[in-house]
């Protein structure tokens, strides 16, 4: 429960509630330059960035 507890969003949760969130959580590592998801993908997850940076961009009809 250590890493989630450090996030302000989860600080006030009871241990039992935090354990439920951790049970359904999946930790992934993404290499620099990797795409995490694309515009138009089904919204099936919430992403929390533990460390590093994420570049967000959106394309339009002109690219």
N, C-alpha and C. Protein backbone atom coordinates (compact mmCIF):
# COMPACT_ATOMS: atom_id res chain seq x y z
N UNK A 1 0.81 -1.21 0.00
CA UNK A 1 0.00 0.00 0.00
C UNK A 1 0.85 1.26 0.00
N UNK A 2 2.14 1.09 -0.03
CA UNK A 2 3.04 2.23 0.09
C UNK A 2 2.92 3.26 -1.00
N UNK A 3 3.00 2.86 -2.26
CA UNK A 3 3.04 3.83 -3.35
C UNK A 3 1.72 4.57 -3.53
N UNK A 4 0.61 3.87 -3.44
CA UNK A 4 -0.68 4.55 -3.59
C UNK A 4 -0.93 5.49 -2.43
N UNK A 5 -0.53 5.12 -1.25
CA UNK A 5 -0.74 5.94 -0.06
C UNK A 5 -0.04 7.29 -0.20
N UNK A 6 1.03 7.36 -0.98
CA UNK A 6 1.77 8.61 -1.16
C UNK A 6 1.02 9.60 -2.05
N UNK A 7 0.05 9.13 -2.82
CA UNK A 7 -0.69 10.01 -3.72
C UNK A 7 -1.79 10.73 -2.95
N UNK A 8 -1.88 12.05 -3.09
CA UNK A 8 -2.89 12.82 -2.36
C UNK A 8 -4.31 12.27 -2.53
N UNK A 9 -4.63 11.76 -3.69
CA UNK A 9 -5.96 11.23 -3.95
C UNK A 9 -6.33 10.09 -3.00
N UNK A 10 -5.36 9.31 -2.58
CA UNK A 10 -5.61 8.12 -1.78
C UNK A 10 -5.24 8.26 -0.30
N UNK A 11 -4.67 9.37 0.09
CA UNK A 11 -4.15 9.52 1.46
C UNK A 11 -5.20 9.28 2.54
N UNK A 12 -6.43 9.68 2.33
CA UNK A 12 -7.45 9.56 3.37
C UNK A 12 -8.17 8.22 3.42
N UNK A 13 -7.81 7.30 2.55
CA UNK A 13 -8.52 6.02 2.51
C UNK A 13 -8.09 5.10 3.65
N UNK A 14 -9.03 4.29 4.10
CA UNK A 14 -8.71 3.26 5.09
C UNK A 14 -7.88 2.18 4.40
N UNK A 15 -7.12 1.44 5.19
CA UNK A 15 -6.27 0.38 4.64
C UNK A 15 -7.09 -0.64 3.84
N UNK A 16 -8.28 -0.99 4.32
CA UNK A 16 -9.12 -1.97 3.63
C UNK A 16 -9.55 -1.45 2.25
N UNK A 17 -9.89 -0.17 2.17
CA UNK A 17 -10.30 0.42 0.89
C UNK A 17 -9.12 0.50 -0.08
N UNK A 18 -7.98 0.87 0.44
CA UNK A 18 -6.77 0.95 -0.38
C UNK A 18 -6.37 -0.44 -0.89
N UNK A 19 -6.57 -1.45 -0.06
CA UNK A 19 -6.24 -2.82 -0.47
C UNK A 19 -7.10 -3.26 -1.65
N UNK A 20 -8.35 -2.85 -1.70
CA UNK A 20 -9.23 -3.19 -2.82
C UNK A 20 -8.70 -2.55 -4.10
N UNK A 21 -8.29 -1.30 -4.03
CA UNK A 21 -7.75 -0.61 -5.20
C UNK A 21 -6.46 -1.28 -5.66
N UNK A 22 -5.60 -1.62 -4.73
CA UNK A 22 -4.35 -2.28 -5.10
C UNK A 22 -4.59 -3.64 -5.73
N UNK A 23 -5.62 -4.31 -5.28
CA UNK A 23 -5.93 -5.64 -5.81
C UNK A 23 -6.28 -5.60 -7.29
N UNK A 24 -6.91 -4.53 -7.74
CA UNK A 24 -7.33 -4.42 -9.14
C UNK A 24 -6.35 -3.58 -9.97
N UNK A 25 -5.29 -3.11 -9.34
CA UNK A 25 -4.31 -2.27 -10.03
C UNK A 25 -3.27 -3.11 -10.75
N UNK A 26 -2.77 -2.56 -11.84
CA UNK A 26 -1.70 -3.20 -12.60
C UNK A 26 -0.58 -2.17 -12.76
N UNK A 27 0.60 -2.55 -12.35
CA UNK A 27 1.75 -1.65 -12.50
C UNK A 27 2.46 -1.99 -13.79
N UNK A 28 2.71 -0.97 -14.61
CA UNK A 28 3.39 -1.17 -15.89
C UNK A 28 4.54 -0.19 -16.01
N UNK A 29 5.55 -0.62 -16.75
CA UNK A 29 6.68 0.24 -17.05
C UNK A 29 6.64 0.55 -18.54
N UNK A 30 6.80 1.81 -18.88
CA UNK A 30 6.82 2.21 -20.29
C UNK A 30 8.19 2.82 -20.60
N UNK A 31 8.79 2.35 -21.66
CA UNK A 31 10.06 2.90 -22.11
C UNK A 31 9.86 4.30 -22.69
N UNK A 32 10.89 5.09 -22.68
CA UNK A 32 10.84 6.42 -23.25
C UNK A 32 10.40 6.33 -24.71
N UNK A 33 9.44 7.14 -25.09
CA UNK A 33 8.94 7.16 -26.46
C UNK A 33 7.80 6.19 -26.73
N UNK A 34 7.50 5.34 -25.75
CA UNK A 34 6.41 4.36 -25.94
C UNK A 34 5.06 5.06 -25.86
N UNK A 35 4.10 4.55 -26.58
CA UNK A 35 2.74 5.07 -26.52
C UNK A 35 1.96 4.29 -25.46
N UNK A 36 1.29 5.00 -24.58
CA UNK A 36 0.51 4.36 -23.53
C UNK A 36 -0.90 4.08 -24.04
N UNK A 37 -1.46 5.04 -24.74
CA UNK A 37 -2.74 4.84 -25.40
C UNK A 37 -2.87 5.86 -26.52
N UNK A 38 -3.83 5.63 -27.40
CA UNK A 38 -4.04 6.50 -28.54
C UNK A 38 -5.41 7.17 -28.47
N UNK A 39 -5.49 8.33 -29.06
CA UNK A 39 -6.76 9.03 -29.18
C UNK A 39 -7.79 8.11 -29.83
N UNK A 40 -8.96 8.00 -29.25
CA UNK A 40 -10.00 7.15 -29.80
C UNK A 40 -10.04 5.76 -29.21
N UNK A 41 -8.99 5.37 -28.46
CA UNK A 41 -9.02 4.06 -27.79
C UNK A 41 -10.16 4.04 -26.77
N UNK A 42 -10.74 2.87 -26.53
CA UNK A 42 -11.77 2.77 -25.47
C UNK A 42 -11.17 3.18 -24.12
N UNK A 43 -11.94 3.89 -23.34
CA UNK A 43 -11.47 4.33 -22.03
C UNK A 43 -11.73 3.22 -21.01
N UNK A 44 -10.73 2.39 -20.80
CA UNK A 44 -10.87 1.23 -19.93
C UNK A 44 -9.99 1.30 -18.69
N UNK A 45 -9.23 2.37 -18.53
CA UNK A 45 -8.31 2.43 -17.40
C UNK A 45 -8.08 3.86 -16.96
N UNK A 46 -7.53 3.99 -15.76
CA UNK A 46 -7.06 5.26 -15.22
C UNK A 46 -5.56 5.08 -15.03
N UNK A 47 -4.78 6.07 -15.42
CA UNK A 47 -3.33 5.97 -15.33
C UNK A 47 -2.82 6.93 -14.27
N UNK A 48 -1.93 6.43 -13.41
CA UNK A 48 -1.25 7.26 -12.42
C UNK A 48 0.23 7.12 -12.71
N UNK A 49 0.92 8.23 -12.81
CA UNK A 49 2.34 8.23 -13.14
C UNK A 49 3.13 8.25 -11.83
N UNK A 50 3.84 7.17 -11.58
CA UNK A 50 4.62 7.05 -10.34
C UNK A 50 5.91 7.87 -10.42
N UNK A 51 6.56 7.82 -11.58
CA UNK A 51 7.77 8.61 -11.77
C UNK A 51 7.98 8.84 -13.26
N UNK A 52 8.73 9.87 -13.56
CA UNK A 52 9.02 10.20 -14.95
C UNK A 52 8.07 11.25 -15.49
N UNK A 53 8.04 11.36 -16.79
CA UNK A 53 7.23 12.36 -17.47
C UNK A 53 6.43 11.71 -18.57
N UNK A 54 5.30 12.31 -18.88
CA UNK A 54 4.45 11.83 -19.96
C UNK A 54 4.19 12.99 -20.91
N UNK A 55 4.37 12.74 -22.18
CA UNK A 55 4.07 13.75 -23.19
C UNK A 55 2.67 13.45 -23.72
N UNK A 56 1.82 14.45 -23.70
CA UNK A 56 0.45 14.28 -24.19
C UNK A 56 0.27 15.16 -25.42
N UNK A 57 -0.22 14.55 -26.46
CA UNK A 57 -0.51 15.34 -27.66
C UNK A 57 -1.74 14.78 -28.33
N UNK A 58 -2.31 15.61 -29.17
CA UNK A 58 -3.54 15.26 -29.87
C UNK A 58 -3.41 15.68 -31.33
N UNK A 59 -3.82 14.83 -32.22
CA UNK A 59 -3.75 15.17 -33.64
C UNK A 59 -5.10 15.67 -34.12
N UNK A 60 -5.07 16.46 -35.18
CA UNK A 60 -6.30 16.92 -35.79
C UNK A 60 -6.30 16.54 -37.27
N UNK A 61 -7.23 17.04 -38.03
CA UNK A 61 -7.35 16.67 -39.44
C UNK A 61 -6.11 17.05 -40.25
N UNK A 62 -5.35 18.02 -39.76
CA UNK A 62 -4.14 18.45 -40.45
C UNK A 62 -2.89 17.73 -39.96
N UNK A 63 -3.06 16.78 -39.06
CA UNK A 63 -1.92 16.03 -38.54
C UNK A 63 -1.42 16.59 -37.27
